[in-house]
C-alpha atoms as a PDB file:
ATOM      1  CA  UNK A   1       9.764 -48.103  61.167  1.00  0.00           C
ATOM      2  CA  UNK A   2       8.167 -46.134  58.348  1.00  0.00           C
ATOM      3  CA  UNK A   3       5.755 -43.290  58.107  1.00  0.00           C
ATOM      4  CA  UNK A   4       2.151 -43.832  57.079  1.00  0.00           C
ATOM      5  CA  UNK A   5       1.902 -43.767  53.308  1.00  0.00           C
ATOM      6  CA  UNK A   6      -0.348 -41.215  51.627  1.00  0.00           C
ATOM      7  CA  UNK A   7       0.931 -41.552  48.057  1.00  0.00           C
ATOM      8  CA  UNK A   8       1.435 -44.668  45.914  1.00  0.00           C
ATOM      9  CA  UNK A   9       2.946 -45.392  42.495  1.00  0.00           C
ATOM     10  CA  UNK A  10       3.011 -48.425  40.257  1.00  0.00           C
ATOM     11  CA  UNK A  11       5.448 -49.752  37.626  1.00  0.00           C
ATOM     12  CA  UNK A  12       4.965 -48.051  34.259  1.00  0.00           C
ATOM     13  CA  UNK A  13       3.487 -44.882  35.732  1.00  0.00           C
ATOM     14  CA  UNK A  14       5.037 -41.720  34.264  1.00  0.00           C
ATOM     15  CA  UNK A  15       5.954 -38.391  35.826  1.00  0.00           C
ATOM     16  CA  UNK A  16       7.255 -36.073  33.126  1.00  0.00           C
ATOM     17  CA  UNK A  17      10.355 -37.773  31.675  1.00  0.00           C
ATOM     18  CA  UNK A  18      10.445 -40.412  34.440  1.00  0.00           C
ATOM     19  CA  UNK A  19       8.951 -43.916  34.198  1.00  0.00           C
ATOM     20  CA  UNK A  20       8.494 -45.866  37.432  1.00  0.00           C
ATOM     21  CA  UNK A  21      10.277 -49.247  37.495  1.00  0.00           C
ATOM     22  CA  UNK A  22       9.480 -50.207  41.070  1.00  0.00           C
ATOM     23  CA  UNK A  23       8.824 -48.712  44.471  1.00  0.00           C
ATOM     24  CA  UNK A  24      10.814 -49.661  47.517  1.00  0.00           C
ATOM     25  CA  UNK A  25      11.495 -48.730  51.122  1.00  0.00           C
ATOM     26  CA  UNK A  26      14.600 -46.666  51.828  1.00  0.00           C
ATOM     27  CA  UNK A  27      16.021 -47.567  55.216  1.00  0.00           C
ATOM     28  CA  UNK A  28      17.572 -44.800  57.336  1.00  0.00           C
ATOM     29  CA  UNK A  29      19.382 -45.855  60.550  1.00  0.00           C
ATOM     30  CA  UNK A  30      17.769 -44.216  63.547  1.00  0.00           C
ATOM     31  CA  UNK A  31      15.188 -42.490  61.426  1.00  0.00           C
ATOM     32  CA  UNK A  32      11.841 -43.468  59.864  1.00  0.00           C
ATOM     33  CA  UNK A  33      12.108 -45.313  56.561  1.00  0.00           C
ATOM     34  CA  UNK A  34      10.885 -43.544  53.455  1.00  0.00           C
ATOM     35  CA  UNK A  35       9.201 -44.874  50.350  1.00  0.00           C
ATOM     36  CA  UNK A  36      10.965 -44.160  47.079  1.00  0.00           C
ATOM     37  CA  UNK A  37      10.593 -45.119  43.428  1.00  0.00           C
ATOM     38  CA  UNK A  38      13.304 -46.443  41.146  1.00  0.00           C
ATOM     39  CA  UNK A  39      12.718 -44.638  37.862  1.00  0.00           C
ATOM     40  CA  UNK A  40      14.151 -44.619  34.363  1.00  0.00           C
ATOM     41  CA  UNK A  41      14.480 -41.234  32.678  1.00  0.00           C
ATOM     42  CA  UNK A  42      13.890 -40.682  28.968  1.00  0.00           C
ATOM     43  CA  UNK A  43      17.585 -39.862  28.657  1.00  0.00           C
ATOM     44  CA  UNK A  44      18.408 -43.449  29.783  1.00  0.00           C
ATOM     45  CA  UNK A  45      19.566 -42.746  33.339  1.00  0.00           C
ATOM     46  CA  UNK A  46      18.069 -44.490  36.371  1.00  0.00           C
ATOM     47  CA  UNK A  47      17.365 -42.563  39.537  1.00  0.00           C
ATOM     48  CA  UNK A  48      15.744 -43.230  42.922  1.00  0.00           C
ATOM     49  CA  UNK A  49      13.212 -40.539  43.805  1.00  0.00           C
ATOM     50  CA  UNK A  50      11.271 -40.174  47.033  1.00  0.00           C
ATOM     51  CA  UNK A  51       7.556 -40.611  46.403  1.00  0.00           C
ATOM     52  CA  UNK A  52       6.926 -37.196  47.894  1.00  0.00           C
ATOM     53  CA  UNK A  53       9.348 -35.825  45.301  1.00  0.00           C
ATOM     54  CA  UNK A  54       7.316 -37.323  42.482  1.00  0.00           C
ATOM     55  CA  UNK A  55       4.161 -36.014  44.078  1.00  0.00           C
ATOM     56  CA  UNK A  56       5.800 -32.604  44.449  1.00  0.00           C
ATOM     57  CA  UNK A  57       6.802 -32.245  40.805  1.00  0.00           C
ATOM     58  CA  UNK A  58      10.100 -34.061  40.087  1.00  0.00           C
ATOM     59  CA  UNK A  59       9.996 -34.604  36.323  1.00  0.00           C
ATOM     60  CA  UNK A  60      13.434 -35.878  35.316  1.00  0.00           C
ATOM     61  CA  UNK A  61      16.787 -37.163  36.560  1.00  0.00           C
ATOM     62  CA  UNK A  62      18.103 -33.630  36.200  1.00  0.00           C
ATOM     63  CA  UNK A  63      18.984 -33.851  32.535  1.00  0.00           C
ATOM     64  CA  UNK A  64      16.595 -31.057  31.556  1.00  0.00           C
ATOM     65  CA  UNK A  65      18.770 -28.658  33.517  1.00  0.00           C
ATOM     66  CA  UNK A  66      21.663 -29.451  31.191  1.00  0.00           C
ATOM     67  CA  UNK A  67      21.150 -27.426  28.028  1.00  0.00           C
ATOM     68  CA  UNK A  68      22.791 -30.012  25.802  1.00  0.00           C
ATOM     69  CA  UNK A  69      20.109 -32.611  26.617  1.00  0.00           C
ATOM     70  CA  UNK A  70      17.027 -30.354  26.503  1.00  0.00           C
ATOM     71  CA  UNK A  71      14.518 -31.125  23.801  1.00  0.00           C
ATOM     72  CA  UNK A  72      13.700 -28.404  21.287  1.00  0.00           C
ATOM     73  CA  UNK A  73      10.175 -28.035  22.707  1.00  0.00           C
ATOM     74  CA  UNK A  74      11.536 -27.689  26.238  1.00  0.00           C
ATOM     75  CA  UNK A  75      14.009 -25.020  25.136  1.00  0.00           C
ATOM     76  CA  UNK A  76      11.337 -23.129  23.234  1.00  0.00           C
ATOM     77  CA  UNK A  77       9.127 -22.776  26.272  1.00  0.00           C
ATOM     78  CA  UNK A  78      11.815 -22.955  28.993  1.00  0.00           C
ATOM     79  CA  UNK A  79      10.013 -25.930  30.463  1.00  0.00           C
ATOM     80  CA  UNK A  80       6.583 -24.300  30.598  1.00  0.00           C
ATOM     81  CA  UNK A  81       3.667 -25.229  28.386  1.00  0.00           C
ATOM     82  CA  UNK A  82       2.472 -22.434  26.130  1.00  0.00           C
ATOM     83  CA  UNK A  83      -0.896 -21.041  27.118  1.00  0.00           C
ATOM     84  CA  UNK A  84      -1.445 -19.106  23.873  1.00  0.00           C
ATOM     85  CA  UNK A  85      -0.270 -19.540  20.285  1.00  0.00           C
ATOM     86  CA  UNK A  86      -1.276 -18.186  16.893  1.00  0.00           C
ATOM     87  CA  UNK A  87      -1.665 -19.742  13.459  1.00  0.00           C
ATOM     88  CA  UNK A  88      -1.282 -18.395   9.930  1.00  0.00           C
ATOM     89  CA  UNK A  89      -4.420 -16.512   8.963  1.00  0.00           C
ATOM     90  CA  UNK A  90      -5.417 -15.497  12.501  1.00  0.00           C
ATOM     91  CA  UNK A  91      -6.560 -11.864  12.622  1.00  0.00           C
ATOM     92  CA  UNK A  92      -6.002  -9.337  15.387  1.00  0.00           C
ATOM     93  CA  UNK A  93      -7.420  -5.926  14.505  1.00  0.00           C
ATOM     94  CA  UNK A  94      -5.759  -4.919  11.232  1.00  0.00           C
ATOM     95  CA  UNK A  95      -3.070  -7.608  11.527  1.00  0.00           C
ATOM     96  CA  UNK A  96      -3.062 -11.024   9.857  1.00  0.00           C
ATOM     97  CA  UNK A  97      -0.587 -13.622  11.128  1.00  0.00           C
ATOM     98  CA  UNK A  98       1.767 -15.068   8.503  1.00  0.00           C
ATOM     99  CA  UNK A  99       3.782 -17.311  10.845  1.00  0.00           C
ATOM    100  CA  UNK A 100       5.195 -17.420  14.363  1.00  0.00           C
ATOM    101  CA  UNK A 101       8.666 -18.304  15.598  1.00  0.00           C
ATOM    102  CA  UNK A 102      10.689 -18.489  18.791  1.00  0.00           C
ATOM    103  CA  UNK A 103      13.092 -15.569  18.481  1.00  0.00           C
ATOM    104  CA  UNK A 104      16.184 -15.104  20.604  1.00  0.00           C
ATOM    105  CA  UNK A 105      16.469 -11.697  22.221  1.00  0.00           C
ATOM    106  CA  UNK A 106      19.683  -9.702  22.847  1.00  0.00           C
ATOM    107  CA  UNK A 107      19.656 -10.856  26.494  1.00  0.00           C
ATOM    108  CA  UNK A 108      19.592 -14.507  25.401  1.00  0.00           C
ATOM    109  CA  UNK A 109      15.963 -15.135  26.267  1.00  0.00           C
ATOM    110  CA  UNK A 110      13.638 -16.603  23.676  1.00  0.00           C
ATOM    111  CA  UNK A 111      10.209 -15.128  23.063  1.00  0.00           C
ATOM    112  CA  UNK A 112       7.433 -16.179  20.717  1.00  0.00           C
ATOM    113  CA  UNK A 113       6.817 -13.562  18.057  1.00  0.00           C
ATOM    114  CA  UNK A 114       4.365 -13.390  15.162  1.00  0.00           C
ATOM    115  CA  UNK A 115       5.238 -12.104  11.706  1.00  0.00           C
ATOM    116  CA  UNK A 116       2.144 -10.227  10.526  1.00  0.00           C
ATOM    117  CA  UNK A 117       0.906  -8.284   7.540  1.00  0.00           C
ATOM    118  CA  UNK A 118      -1.139  -5.145   8.164  1.00  0.00           C
ATOM    119  CA  UNK A 119      -4.123  -3.963   6.141  1.00  0.00           C
ATOM    120  CA  UNK A 120      -2.091  -0.914   5.135  1.00  0.00           C
ATOM    121  CA  UNK A 121       0.380  -3.210   3.349  1.00  0.00           C
ATOM    122  CA  UNK A 122       3.248  -3.093   5.838  1.00  0.00           C
ATOM    123  CA  UNK A 123       4.839  -6.083   7.547  1.00  0.00           C
ATOM    124  CA  UNK A 124       5.556  -6.104  11.291  1.00  0.00           C
ATOM    125  CA  UNK A 125       6.795  -8.457  14.027  1.00  0.00           C
ATOM    126  CA  UNK A 126       4.748  -8.553  17.240  1.00  0.00           C
ATOM    127  CA  UNK A 127       5.142 -10.411  20.528  1.00  0.00           C
ATOM    128  CA  UNK A 128       2.482 -13.130  20.633  1.00  0.00           C
ATOM    129  CA  UNK A 129       1.536 -12.071  24.165  1.00  0.00           C
ATOM    130  CA  UNK A 130       0.800  -8.553  22.895  1.00  0.00           C
ATOM    131  CA  UNK A 131      -1.600  -9.992  20.326  1.00  0.00           C
ATOM    132  CA  UNK A 132      -3.272 -12.010  23.081  1.00  0.00           C
ATOM    133  CA  UNK A 133      -3.705  -8.973  25.339  1.00  0.00           C
ATOM    134  CA  UNK A 134      -5.011  -6.789  22.507  1.00  0.00           C
ATOM    135  CA  UNK A 135      -2.217  -4.292  23.060  1.00  0.00           C
ATOM    136  CA  UNK A 136      -1.180  -4.399  19.388  1.00  0.00           C
ATOM    137  CA  UNK A 137      -3.752  -4.369  16.586  1.00  0.00           C
ATOM    138  CA  UNK A 138      -1.846  -2.771  13.708  1.00  0.00           C
ATOM    139  CA  UNK A 139       1.649  -1.925  12.505  1.00  0.00           C
ATOM    140  CA  UNK A 140       1.145   1.493  14.090  1.00  0.00           C
ATOM    141  CA  UNK A 141      -1.052   2.961  11.368  1.00  0.00           C
ATOM    142  CA  UNK A 142      -4.218   2.611  13.468  1.00  0.00           C
ATOM    143  CA  UNK A 143      -2.849   4.872  16.180  1.00  0.00           C
ATOM    144  CA  UNK A 144      -1.682   7.385  13.573  1.00  0.00           C
ATOM    145  CA  UNK A 145      -5.138   7.403  11.975  1.00  0.00           C
ATOM    146  CA  UNK A 146      -6.826   7.969  15.327  1.00  0.00           C
ATOM    147  CA  UNK A 147      -4.385  10.694  16.295  1.00  0.00           C
ATOM    148  CA  UNK A 148      -5.046  12.410  12.976  1.00  0.00           C
ATOM    149  CA  UNK A 149      -8.788  12.165  13.550  1.00  0.00           C
ATOM    150  CA  UNK A 150      -8.395  13.513  17.072  1.00  0.00           C
ATOM    151  CA  UNK A 151      -6.428  16.477  15.742  1.00  0.00           C
ATOM    152  CA  UNK A 152      -9.029  17.088  13.065  1.00  0.00           C
ATOM    153  CA  UNK A 153     -11.930  17.200  15.501  1.00  0.00           C
ATOM    154  CA  UNK A 154     -10.058  19.753  17.591  1.00  0.00           C
ATOM    155  CA  UNK A 155     -10.211  22.229  14.725  1.00  0.00           C
ATOM    156  CA  UNK A 156     -12.296  25.379  15.272  1.00  0.00           C
ATOM    157  CA  UNK A 157     -15.831  25.133  13.855  1.00  0.00           C
ATOM    158  CA  UNK A 158     -17.182  28.491  14.938  1.00  0.00           C
ATOM    159  CA  UNK A 159     -19.419  26.717  17.461  1.00  0.00           C
ATOM    160  CA  UNK A 160     -16.987  26.312  20.343  1.00  0.00           C
ATOM    161  CA  UNK A 161     -19.135  28.624  22.463  1.00  0.00           C
ATOM    162  CA  UNK A 162     -22.351  26.640  21.932  1.00  0.00           C
ATOM    163  CA  UNK A 163     -23.690  24.782  25.041  1.00  0.00           C
ATOM    164  CA  UNK A 164     -23.701  21.492  23.104  1.00  0.00           C
ATOM    165  CA  UNK A 165     -20.126  21.859  21.856  1.00  0.00           C
ATOM    166  CA  UNK A 166     -18.518  20.300  25.012  1.00  0.00           C
ATOM    167  CA  UNK A 167     -20.843  17.295  24.608  1.00  0.00           C
ATOM    168  CA  UNK A 168     -19.711  16.838  21.019  1.00  0.00           C
ATOM    169  CA  UNK A 169     -16.061  17.280  21.947  1.00  0.00           C
ATOM    170  CA  UNK A 170     -16.253  14.746  24.794  1.00  0.00           C
ATOM    171  CA  UNK A 171     -18.050  12.252  22.562  1.00  0.00           C
ATOM    172  CA  UNK A 172     -15.426  12.508  19.802  1.00  0.00           C
ATOM    173  CA  UNK A 173     -12.490  12.327  22.205  1.00  0.00           C
ATOM    174  CA  UNK A 174     -13.901   9.235  23.885  1.00  0.00           C
ATOM    175  CA  UNK A 175     -14.169   7.450  20.547  1.00  0.00           C
ATOM    176  CA  UNK A 176     -11.111   8.673  18.638  1.00  0.00           C
ATOM    177  CA  UNK A 177      -8.414   9.913  21.013  1.00  0.00           C
ATOM    178  CA  UNK A 178      -6.223   6.950  22.190  1.00  0.00           C
ATOM    179  CA  UNK A 179      -4.642   9.227  24.754  1.00  0.00           C
ATOM    180  CA  UNK A 180      -7.953  10.133  26.353  1.00  0.00           C
ATOM    181  CA  UNK A 181      -8.780   8.950  29.863  1.00  0.00           C
ATOM    182  CA  UNK A 182     -12.031   7.272  28.734  1.00  0.00           C
ATOM    183  CA  UNK A 183     -10.931   5.945  25.333  1.00  0.00           C
ATOM    184  CA  UNK A 184     -10.553   2.366  26.609  1.00  0.00           C
ATOM    185  CA  UNK A 185     -14.257   2.325  27.549  1.00  0.00           C
ATOM    186  CA  UNK A 186     -15.405   3.655  24.165  1.00  0.00           C
ATOM    187  CA  UNK A 187     -13.204   3.694  21.072  1.00  0.00           C
ATOM    188  CA  UNK A 188     -11.076   0.782  22.184  1.00  0.00           C
ATOM    189  CA  UNK A 189     -14.131  -1.464  22.459  1.00  0.00           C
ATOM    190  CA  UNK A 190     -15.613  -0.406  19.131  1.00  0.00           C
ATOM    191  CA  UNK A 191     -17.881   2.485  20.108  1.00  0.00           C
ATOM    192  CA  UNK A 192     -17.880   5.067  17.284  1.00  0.00           C
ATOM    193  CA  UNK A 193     -19.706   8.217  16.235  1.00  0.00           C
ATOM    194  CA  UNK A 194     -22.139   8.240  13.324  1.00  0.00           C
ATOM    195  CA  UNK A 195     -20.213   9.721  10.337  1.00  0.00           C
ATOM    196  CA  UNK A 196     -22.603  12.662   9.851  1.00  0.00           C
ATOM    197  CA  UNK A 197     -22.074  13.700  13.478  1.00  0.00           C
ATOM    198  CA  UNK A 198     -18.381  14.293  12.859  1.00  0.00           C
ATOM    199  CA  UNK A 199     -19.680  17.665  11.748  1.00  0.00           C
ATOM    200  CA  UNK A 200     -20.422  19.471  14.997  1.00  0.00           C
ATOM    201  CA  UNK A 201     -23.155  21.592  13.361  1.00  0.00           C
ATOM    202  CA  UNK A 202     -25.091  18.478  12.300  1.00  0.00           C
ATOM    203  CA  UNK A 203     -24.761  16.976  15.782  1.00  0.00           C
ATOM    204  CA  UNK A 204     -25.957  20.139  17.500  1.00  0.00           C
ATOM    205  CA  UNK A 205     -28.866  20.375  15.056  1.00  0.00           C
ATOM    206  CA  UNK A 206     -29.924  16.809  15.962  1.00  0.00           C
ATOM    207  CA  UNK A 207     -29.889  17.511  19.693  1.00  0.00           C
ATOM    208  CA  UNK A 208     -31.906  20.704  19.304  1.00  0.00           C
ATOM    209  CA  UNK A 209     -34.538  19.351  16.900  1.00  0.00           C
ATOM    210  CA  UNK A 210     -34.910  15.729  18.074  1.00  0.00           C
ATOM    211  CA  UNK A 211     -34.029  15.665  21.791  1.00  0.00           C
ATOM    212  CA  UNK A 212     -34.909  19.244  22.619  1.00  0.00           C
ATOM    213  CA  UNK A 213     -33.570  21.190  25.611  1.00  0.00           C
ATOM    214  CA  UNK A 214     -31.611  19.257  28.234  1.00  0.00           C
ATOM    215  CA  UNK A 215     -33.692  18.962  31.452  1.00  0.00           C
ATOM    216  CA  UNK A 216     -32.089  20.034  34.719  1.00  0.00           C
ATOM    217  CA  UNK A 217     -30.034  17.266  36.306  1.00  0.00           C
ATOM    218  CA  UNK A 218     -29.800  15.307  33.041  1.00  0.00           C
ATOM    219  CA  UNK A 219     -27.000  14.636  30.586  1.00  0.00           C
ATOM    220  CA  UNK A 220     -26.494  12.867  27.271  1.00  0.00           C
ATOM    221  CA  UNK A 221     -26.744   9.066  27.418  1.00  0.00           C
ATOM    222  CA  UNK A 222     -26.700   6.181  24.930  1.00  0.00           C
ATOM    223  CA  UNK A 223     -29.854   4.072  25.187  1.00  0.00           C
ATOM    224  CA  UNK A 224     -27.998   0.876  24.230  1.00  0.00           C
ATOM    225  CA  UNK A 225     -24.656   0.998  26.032  1.00  0.00           C
ATOM    226  CA  UNK A 226     -23.084  -1.425  23.539  1.00  0.00           C
ATOM    227  CA  UNK A 227     -24.046   0.601  20.470  1.00  0.00           C
ATOM    228  CA  UNK A 228     -22.367   3.660  18.994  1.00  0.00           C
ATOM    229  CA  UNK A 229     -23.364   7.303  19.111  1.00  0.00           C
ATOM    230  CA  UNK A 230     -25.959   7.402  16.339  1.00  0.00           C
ATOM    231  CA  UNK A 231     -29.438   8.728  15.610  1.00  0.00           C
ATOM    232  CA  UNK A 232     -32.046   6.943  17.711  1.00  0.00           C
ATOM    233  CA  UNK A 233     -29.586   5.836  20.380  1.00  0.00           C
ATOM    234  CA  UNK A 234     -29.331   9.078  22.389  1.00  0.00           C
ATOM    235  CA  UNK A 235     -31.482  10.517  25.154  1.00  0.00           C
ATOM    236  CA  UNK A 236     -31.333  12.879  28.099  1.00  0.00           C
ATOM    237  CA  UNK A 237     -31.026  10.816  31.293  1.00  0.00           C
ATOM    238  CA  UNK A 238     -30.581  11.547  34.982  1.00  0.00           C
ATOM    239  CA  UNK A 239     -27.662  10.189  37.037  1.00  0.00           C
ATOM    240  CA  UNK A 240     -29.588   7.183  38.394  1.00  0.00           C
ATOM    241  CA  UNK A 241     -30.683   6.061  34.918  1.00  0.00           C
ATOM    242  CA  UNK A 242     -27.140   6.410  33.604  1.00  0.00           C
ATOM    243  CA  UNK A 243     -25.667   4.352  36.441  1.00  0.00           C
ATOM    244  CA  UNK A 244     -28.201   1.594  35.789  1.00  0.00           C
ATOM    245  CA  UNK A 245     -27.224   1.669  32.127  1.00  0.00           C
ATOM    246  CA  UNK A 246     -23.498   1.197  32.787  1.00  0.00           C
ATOM    247  CA  UNK A 247     -21.985  -2.095  31.614  1.00  0.00           C
ATOM    248  CA  UNK A 248     -21.401  -3.523  35.096  1.00  0.00           C
ATOM    249  CA  UNK A 249     -25.161  -3.394  35.765  1.00  0.00           C
ATOM    250  CA  UNK A 250     -26.113  -4.998  32.464  1.00  0.00           C
ATOM    251  CA  UNK A 251     -26.418  -8.764  32.090  1.00  0.00           C
ATOM    252  CA  UNK A 252     -23.979 -10.332  29.657  1.00  0.00           C
END
């Protein structure tokens, strides 16, 4: 007696390191018979595997669990295919990849790392996954530059009491302060401030002469949400208009 078959194999079919030689019925006294496949592994061993085992993911005779018989590629990825890799010349922010390698860590694990050169001239080693996620885009100089800029814009300009000063301060922090709560929605996605507006007096002069007084219930808004803070891209807008202009409401 055997169970109804739902999975079939044929000679020559491969499952990972296993090649099917034949399929056969495994008899079990007092129990239903089971279909199995006689397979030859790439290491040379032969093994009988239940068809459900092949269907469920059996890939070898067990040799890949023995470190001495693992292939270099298997060791490098610990049996898992790489979903992301980099090549010499690939750019990520200010970093250019020179080469990648599988580096052993103090705990014995191996991780893919990229040796990169930064625009500032320094060399650095970065986890490939951090390049993929966008978490690292320089040797560290980019964060230092932004922190310096953030400190500079906090300097006193003699206009800290002006009604438009908080608008200027918020705008600059959003674009240049990596520690700011909203930086990831602005500076981190490339939104910047027009160079002349780094001077708070020039920015305030633009608002007063071009946009005029801020109407009740309105606040400063960028007309094109994907463009920077620059002349011609600012307006006073009410809350409803600003919500409609947010990225989640805009078509890609």
